[in-house]
Each structure stands twice: as structure tokens, then as C-alpha cells.
């Protein structure tokens, strides 16, 4: 089950049992990964048995095709679960090279009466905090657990799954939009912290709505298929992206007719924040790619 792009690498994908997470986990195994950790937790209307069945199905699909996978039931908002996920992946596959922070929660956790989009001042406070716990603290906790191992190995990849810039500050899209803006800022901070270690941090968004289950909602026919995320995710996870860090990529702009390096550059767009006045080693982050098809 390999085309060799990720030969010998070990990956851990959060939110890995459905949608884009599932597609990336399976694609990494097909690309020759030595092992793939598939981590997920139940939503508010699901049981552990429900989500475990979905995790097991992804693991079974990978193993049936000759790959190796480990199912992990865990909540990225809980430090103990994050440490266990990393430790168990390393124990199972003798390392951890790639972390994809894909797990996320949407505005449905803060609405009332079935309303998905409401003004922030009507939000359920517990639900609002739960979204931020998963979407902001979750990637930090996972990266905090995984990064020391990557630094020791001298090589690693952290891929933070993000969102369209416009959606980050659109009315009635709080806290989901702001949580992704926070993740974009974290991507830049972490990338600069890790300069010179061999570990890179980049963000990747699909570029619009995706036809997948998000929480308990369905978006059939409303957007792109979840596999849109796969080509740039594979490139970012591979040695082809060595030295590329602090950058933001949009999957829908991937052009399969191009060389992968060129296709990746065509997906890259500038950071969502203004160019800093201070000097920064993230020289690509604020430049617009000449190949970019973005706005």
C-alpha cells in the first residue's frame, strides 16, 4: 500500500475517522507510512461506541490494503489523552514524524433551538468554551506532546487544518471563525519557535465547504469532496517540503497537471496577518506566490 512518498514515516491524524481526517489517514498509509495513528473523540450527541466503530473501520480499511494503523479514542482538549495518543503511536510504530491537527468543533455547539449561526451574545457559554478548547487548545496540546520527539529526531511535520480567511471574521461565525484565526497565529509562532530544528509547521485549508459530516451536521452536495485535502497534505507531510514553514496553503488550488512542488506553490497564499515590522526568519509566510491561484 505504497507509492513511497512517506516511506518509513509515522503519522498521527486527529479527527481521523471521518471527512478530511479519514482521507488523509488512508492516503498517508497508501503513501508508504510505516504507521498511522487515527485519533477521534465522540461529539455531544455520540457515544464512545459510535466513534470507536468509525475509528475501527478506518483502521480496518488501512490494514486490509496492507498498511498499519492504530485506533486511538481520545479528546484533543485533554492533556492526558494527547500524551497517551502520542506515546501509544510511538510505542506502536517506533516514532512519530507527522502530526495533523484536524479535529475540530463547529458553531452547532453554541447555538440553541437547532440554530447553527447566532450572534456571540446569544451563545451558550459552555458550548462556546468547548469549541475553543478543541479548536485552539487541542492543536497546542497535541503539538506540545509530539514536538519534543520530533526535535530529538531532527525532523517533523505539524499540519494545522484551517479555514478561509473571510470565514474567520464573518458575522454569526463565532467562535469557530476566531478559533481558526487563532490557529493561524499559532502556526506562525510555532514555526518561528522551531526554525533550525528540522520540524516545520504549516496551515492547510480546503478552500471552502466540504461534503462531510461536521459534528452531527450533514453538508451533502454543498461543497468539495473531502479528498481535496489529500494532495497538498501529502506534499506538506513529505520530505519534498523540507525547509517550508510558517506557510498557509489552500487545497482547492492544487493543479494535478503540475509538478508537485509547483502545484504546492500554486496553493500557497500569504499569512492572514500583516507583515511584521520586526525581522522574521519566516521569509515565505508573507509573500504571495507567483503561481498562486488564490485571491
Protein backbone atom coordinates (compact mmCIF):
# COMPACT_ATOMS: atom_id res chain seq x y z
CA UNK A 1 0.00 0.00 0.00
CA UNK A 2 2.68 2.47 -1.01
CA UNK A 3 3.85 4.97 -3.57
CA UNK A 4 6.79 5.72 -1.31
CA UNK A 5 6.30 9.43 -0.67
CA UNK A 6 6.02 8.84 3.07
CA UNK A 7 8.05 5.63 3.24
CA UNK A 8 9.10 4.91 6.80
CA UNK A 9 7.30 7.92 8.30
CA UNK A 10 4.80 7.68 11.16
CA UNK A 11 1.75 9.94 11.23
CA UNK A 12 -0.93 10.82 13.76
CA UNK A 13 -4.18 12.37 12.48
CA UNK A 14 -6.69 13.86 14.91
CA UNK A 15 -10.32 13.75 13.86
CA UNK A 16 -9.09 10.89 11.73
CA UNK A 17 -12.19 8.74 11.40
CA UNK A 18 -14.32 10.84 9.06
CA UNK A 19 -14.20 13.53 6.40
CA UNK A 20 -10.84 15.08 5.60
CA UNK A 21 -9.16 13.36 8.52
CA UNK A 22 -10.17 9.95 7.25
CA UNK A 23 -8.98 10.76 3.73
CA UNK A 24 -5.60 11.93 4.99
CA UNK A 25 -5.09 8.92 7.25
CA UNK A 26 -5.80 6.50 4.41
CA UNK A 27 -3.71 8.50 1.94
CA UNK A 28 -0.73 8.57 4.30
CA UNK A 29 -0.86 4.79 4.61
CA UNK A 30 -1.09 4.44 0.82
CA UNK A 31 1.94 6.70 0.53
CA UNK A 32 4.02 4.21 2.46
CA UNK A 33 3.78 5.47 6.04
CA UNK A 34 5.15 2.93 8.49
CA UNK A 35 2.10 3.55 10.66
CA UNK A 36 -0.83 5.90 11.08
CA UNK A 37 -2.49 6.81 14.35
CA UNK A 38 -6.20 7.53 13.88
CA UNK A 39 -7.47 9.60 16.80
CA UNK A 40 -11.02 10.81 17.44
CA UNK A 41 -13.50 11.54 20.22
CA UNK A 42 -17.30 11.44 20.32
CA UNK A 43 -19.33 14.61 19.83
CA UNK A 44 -22.01 15.70 22.28
CA UNK A 45 -24.64 13.52 20.60
CA UNK A 46 -22.45 10.43 20.15
CA UNK A 47 -21.29 7.60 22.37
CA UNK A 48 -17.77 6.25 22.67
CA UNK A 49 -19.04 3.10 20.98
CA UNK A 50 -20.23 5.15 18.00
CA UNK A 51 -16.90 6.83 17.41
CA UNK A 52 -14.86 3.71 18.16
CA UNK A 53 -16.74 1.89 15.42
CA UNK A 54 -15.78 4.63 12.96
CA UNK A 55 -12.15 4.57 14.09
CA UNK A 56 -12.05 0.79 13.77
CA UNK A 57 -13.48 0.99 10.25
CA UNK A 58 -10.66 3.30 9.10
CA UNK A 59 -8.02 1.11 10.76
CA UNK A 60 -9.53 -1.98 9.12
CA UNK A 61 -9.51 -0.32 5.69
CA UNK A 62 -5.86 0.62 6.04
CA UNK A 63 -4.86 -2.82 7.29
CA UNK A 64 -6.87 -4.63 4.61
CA UNK A 65 -4.80 -2.79 1.99
CA UNK A 66 -1.54 -3.77 3.64
CA UNK A 67 -0.89 -0.70 5.79
CA UNK A 68 -0.51 -0.35 9.54
CA UNK A 69 -2.76 1.76 11.73
CA UNK A 70 -3.62 2.33 15.36
CA UNK A 71 -7.04 3.44 16.55
CA UNK A 72 -6.99 5.94 19.41
CA UNK A 73 -10.08 7.05 21.31
CA UNK A 74 -9.13 10.39 22.80
CA UNK A 75 -10.10 14.04 23.24
CA UNK A 76 -7.59 16.63 21.99
CA UNK A 77 -8.88 19.02 24.65
CA UNK A 78 -7.47 16.78 27.39
CA UNK A 79 -3.74 16.79 28.05
CA UNK A 80 -3.71 13.21 29.34
CA UNK A 81 -5.40 11.97 26.14
CA UNK A 82 -2.94 13.88 23.95
CA UNK A 83 0.09 12.48 25.75
CA UNK A 84 -1.38 8.98 25.57
CA UNK A 85 -2.09 9.32 21.84
CA UNK A 86 1.50 10.37 21.15
CA UNK A 87 3.01 7.76 23.47
CA UNK A 88 0.86 4.95 22.09
CA UNK A 89 1.70 5.89 18.49
CA UNK A 90 5.41 5.94 19.26
CA UNK A 91 5.16 2.63 21.10
CA UNK A 92 3.30 1.01 18.20
CA UNK A 93 5.46 2.32 15.35
CA UNK A 94 8.78 3.32 16.96
CA UNK A 95 8.44 7.02 16.23
CA UNK A 96 6.27 9.96 15.27
CA UNK A 97 7.11 12.21 12.33
CA UNK A 98 3.85 13.83 11.21
CA UNK A 99 1.06 15.39 13.26
CA UNK A 100 -2.12 16.59 11.55
CA UNK A 101 -4.28 18.77 13.78
CA UNK A 102 -7.59 18.14 12.06
CA UNK A 103 -10.03 17.62 14.95
CA UNK A 104 -12.48 20.49 15.31
CA UNK A 105 -15.90 21.52 16.56
CA UNK A 106 -18.32 23.89 14.88
CA UNK A 107 -20.85 26.53 15.90
CA UNK A 108 -23.51 23.89 16.47
CA UNK A 109 -22.10 23.51 19.97
CA UNK A 110 -23.03 27.07 20.90
CA UNK A 111 -26.43 27.53 19.26
CA UNK A 112 -29.89 26.98 20.71
CA UNK A 113 -33.09 25.58 19.28
CA UNK A 114 -31.25 23.95 16.38
CA UNK A 115 -29.78 27.24 15.17
CA UNK A 116 -26.22 26.82 13.92
CA UNK A 117 -25.38 30.52 13.45
CA UNK A 118 -26.17 33.02 16.18
CA UNK A 119 -24.63 36.28 17.43
CA UNK A 120 -21.95 35.77 20.07
CA UNK A 121 -24.08 37.45 22.75
CA UNK A 122 -26.68 34.70 22.49
CA UNK A 123 -24.17 31.85 22.61
CA UNK A 124 -24.28 29.06 25.12
CA UNK A 125 -21.20 29.86 27.19
CA UNK A 126 -20.28 26.25 27.93
CA UNK A 127 -20.58 25.34 24.26
CA UNK A 128 -18.53 28.35 23.19
CA UNK A 129 -15.72 27.37 25.54
CA UNK A 130 -15.92 23.76 24.38
CA UNK A 131 -15.32 24.80 20.77
CA UNK A 132 -12.31 26.89 21.78
CA UNK A 133 -10.99 24.06 23.92
CA UNK A 134 -11.00 21.71 20.94
CA UNK A 135 -10.06 24.09 18.12
CA UNK A 136 -7.40 26.18 19.87
CA UNK A 137 -6.15 24.30 22.93
CA UNK A 138 -6.40 20.94 21.18
CA UNK A 139 -3.77 21.63 18.48
CA UNK A 140 -1.47 23.13 21.14
CA UNK A 141 -1.78 20.12 23.44
CA UNK A 142 -1.16 17.70 20.58
CA UNK A 143 1.81 19.70 19.30
CA UNK A 144 3.16 20.07 22.84
CA UNK A 145 3.09 16.30 23.27
CA UNK A 146 4.54 15.47 19.85
CA UNK A 147 7.12 18.18 19.18
CA UNK A 148 9.84 17.11 21.67
CA UNK A 149 10.02 13.72 19.96
CA UNK A 150 10.31 15.37 16.54
CA UNK A 151 13.02 17.76 17.71
CA UNK A 152 15.01 14.84 19.11
CA UNK A 153 14.71 13.05 15.77
CA UNK A 154 15.71 16.21 13.87
CA UNK A 155 12.73 16.03 11.51
CA UNK A 156 8.99 16.50 11.80
CA UNK A 157 5.83 17.95 10.33
CA UNK A 158 2.91 19.70 12.02
CA UNK A 159 -0.03 20.46 9.72
CA UNK A 160 -2.81 22.60 11.17
CA UNK A 161 -6.12 22.32 9.32
CA UNK A 162 -7.56 25.80 8.88
CA UNK A 163 -10.31 27.74 7.11
CA UNK A 164 -10.98 30.52 4.59
CA UNK A 165 -9.86 33.93 5.81
CA UNK A 166 -13.28 35.51 5.20
CA UNK A 167 -14.95 32.92 7.42
CA UNK A 168 -12.67 33.85 10.32
CA UNK A 169 -14.34 37.21 10.86
CA UNK A 170 -17.78 36.74 9.35
CA UNK A 171 -20.85 37.67 11.39
CA UNK A 172 -22.54 34.79 13.21
CA UNK A 173 -19.43 32.61 12.91
CA UNK A 174 -18.09 32.89 16.43
CA UNK A 175 -16.28 31.08 17.95
CA UNK A 176 -15.45 28.81 15.00
CA UNK A 177 -14.03 31.58 12.80
CA UNK A 178 -11.96 33.22 15.53
CA UNK A 179 -10.68 29.81 16.64
CA UNK A 180 -9.20 29.28 13.18
CA UNK A 181 -7.66 32.77 13.21
CA UNK A 182 -6.01 31.80 16.49
CA UNK A 183 -4.69 28.63 14.88
CA UNK A 184 -3.19 30.66 12.03
CA UNK A 185 -1.37 32.82 14.58
CA UNK A 186 -0.19 29.72 16.44
CA UNK A 187 1.14 28.26 13.18
CA UNK A 188 3.39 31.29 12.72
CA UNK A 189 4.54 31.35 16.35
CA UNK A 190 5.31 27.63 16.43
CA UNK A 191 7.07 27.74 13.07
CA UNK A 192 9.36 30.51 14.28
CA UNK A 193 9.98 28.71 17.58
CA UNK A 194 11.08 25.63 15.62
CA UNK A 195 13.32 27.27 13.00
CA UNK A 196 16.53 25.24 12.71
CA UNK A 197 15.16 22.09 14.35
CA UNK A 198 14.06 20.26 11.19
CA UNK A 199 10.43 20.45 12.36
CA UNK A 200 8.08 22.55 10.24
CA UNK A 201 4.61 23.94 10.93
CA UNK A 202 2.18 24.95 8.19
CA UNK A 203 -1.56 25.50 7.87
CA UNK A 204 -3.79 23.93 5.25
CA UNK A 205 -7.41 24.68 4.42
CA UNK A 206 -9.72 23.07 1.88
CA UNK A 207 -10.74 26.43 0.41
CA UNK A 208 -14.48 26.22 1.04
CA UNK A 209 -17.26 23.97 2.33
CA UNK A 210 -16.59 20.25 2.22
CA UNK A 211 -19.16 17.49 1.72
CA UNK A 212 -18.65 15.76 5.03
CA UNK A 213 -20.20 15.28 8.41
CA UNK A 214 -19.09 18.03 10.79
CA UNK A 215 -20.26 17.31 14.29
CA UNK A 216 -23.76 15.96 13.66
CA UNK A 217 -24.47 18.13 10.64
CA UNK A 218 -24.52 16.97 7.05
CA UNK A 219 -23.31 19.03 4.13
CA UNK A 220 -24.24 16.80 1.16
CA UNK A 221 -23.65 18.44 -2.19
CA UNK A 222 -22.78 21.73 -0.52
CA UNK A 223 -19.13 21.85 -1.48
CA UNK A 224 -15.99 19.93 -2.34
CA UNK A 225 -15.29 16.29 -1.63
CA UNK A 226 -13.06 15.70 1.42
CA UNK A 227 -10.30 14.12 -0.66
CA UNK A 228 -9.49 17.62 -1.98
CA UNK A 229 -7.21 17.96 1.04
CA UNK A 230 -5.06 14.94 0.19
CA UNK A 231 -2.53 16.15 -2.45
CA UNK A 232 -1.23 19.18 -0.53
CA UNK A 233 -1.37 17.27 2.76
CA UNK A 234 0.86 14.56 1.30
CA UNK A 235 3.29 17.18 -0.02
CA UNK A 236 3.44 19.02 3.30
CA UNK A 237 3.95 15.75 5.16
CA UNK A 238 6.78 14.61 2.89
CA UNK A 239 10.47 15.43 2.55
CA UNK A 240 9.59 17.47 -0.55
CA UNK A 241 8.53 20.30 1.81
CA UNK A 242 11.81 20.41 3.72
CA UNK A 243 12.50 23.97 4.87
CA UNK A 244 8.98 25.22 4.14
CA UNK A 245 7.48 26.52 7.37
CA UNK A 246 5.00 29.10 8.63
CA UNK A 247 3.09 29.00 5.34
CA UNK A 248 -0.60 28.77 4.53
CA UNK A 249 -1.98 26.52 1.78
CA UNK A 250 -5.41 26.21 0.13
CA UNK A 251 -6.14 22.73 -1.19
CA UNK A 252 -8.69 23.59 -3.90
CA UNK A 253 -5.99 25.39 -5.89
CA UNK A 254 -3.88 22.23 -6.30
CA UNK A 255 -3.27 21.58 -10.01
CA UNK A 256 -2.58 17.90 -10.60
CA UNK A 257 -1.17 18.68 -14.06
CA UNK A 258 1.81 20.43 -12.45
CA UNK A 259 4.90 19.04 -10.80
CA UNK A 260 4.04 18.55 -7.09
CA UNK A 261 6.41 21.31 -5.98
CA UNK A 262 4.81 23.73 -8.43
CA UNK A 263 1.32 22.56 -7.52
CA UNK A 264 2.08 23.19 -3.86
CA UNK A 265 3.41 26.66 -4.62
CA UNK A 266 0.22 27.36 -6.54
CA UNK A 267 -1.73 26.55 -3.36
CA UNK A 268 0.27 28.87 -1.14
CA UNK A 269 -1.12 32.23 -0.10
CA UNK A 270 0.24 34.89 2.27
CA UNK A 271 -0.29 34.78 6.03
CA UNK A 272 -3.58 36.24 7.20
CA UNK A 273 -1.83 38.84 9.36
CA UNK A 274 0.11 41.97 8.30
CA UNK A 275 3.84 41.70 7.61
CA UNK A 276 5.63 42.19 10.97
CA UNK A 277 7.82 45.24 11.48
CA UNK A 278 10.45 43.10 13.18
CA UNK A 279 12.76 40.77 11.28
CA UNK A 280 11.42 37.25 10.90
CA UNK A 281 13.00 34.06 9.57
CA UNK A 282 9.67 33.06 8.02
CA UNK A 283 10.57 34.60 4.69
CA UNK A 284 7.88 32.84 2.65
CA UNK A 285 4.99 33.37 5.01
CA UNK A 286 4.08 36.89 3.90
CA UNK A 287 4.95 36.64 0.21
CA UNK A 288 2.40 35.93 -2.48
CA UNK A 289 3.36 33.03 -4.70
CA UNK A 290 3.64 33.93 -8.41
CA UNK A 291 1.89 30.62 -9.10
CA UNK A 292 -0.96 31.19 -6.65
CA UNK A 293 -4.49 30.98 -7.98
CA UNK A 294 -5.91 32.47 -4.81
CA UNK A 295 -7.34 35.97 -4.49
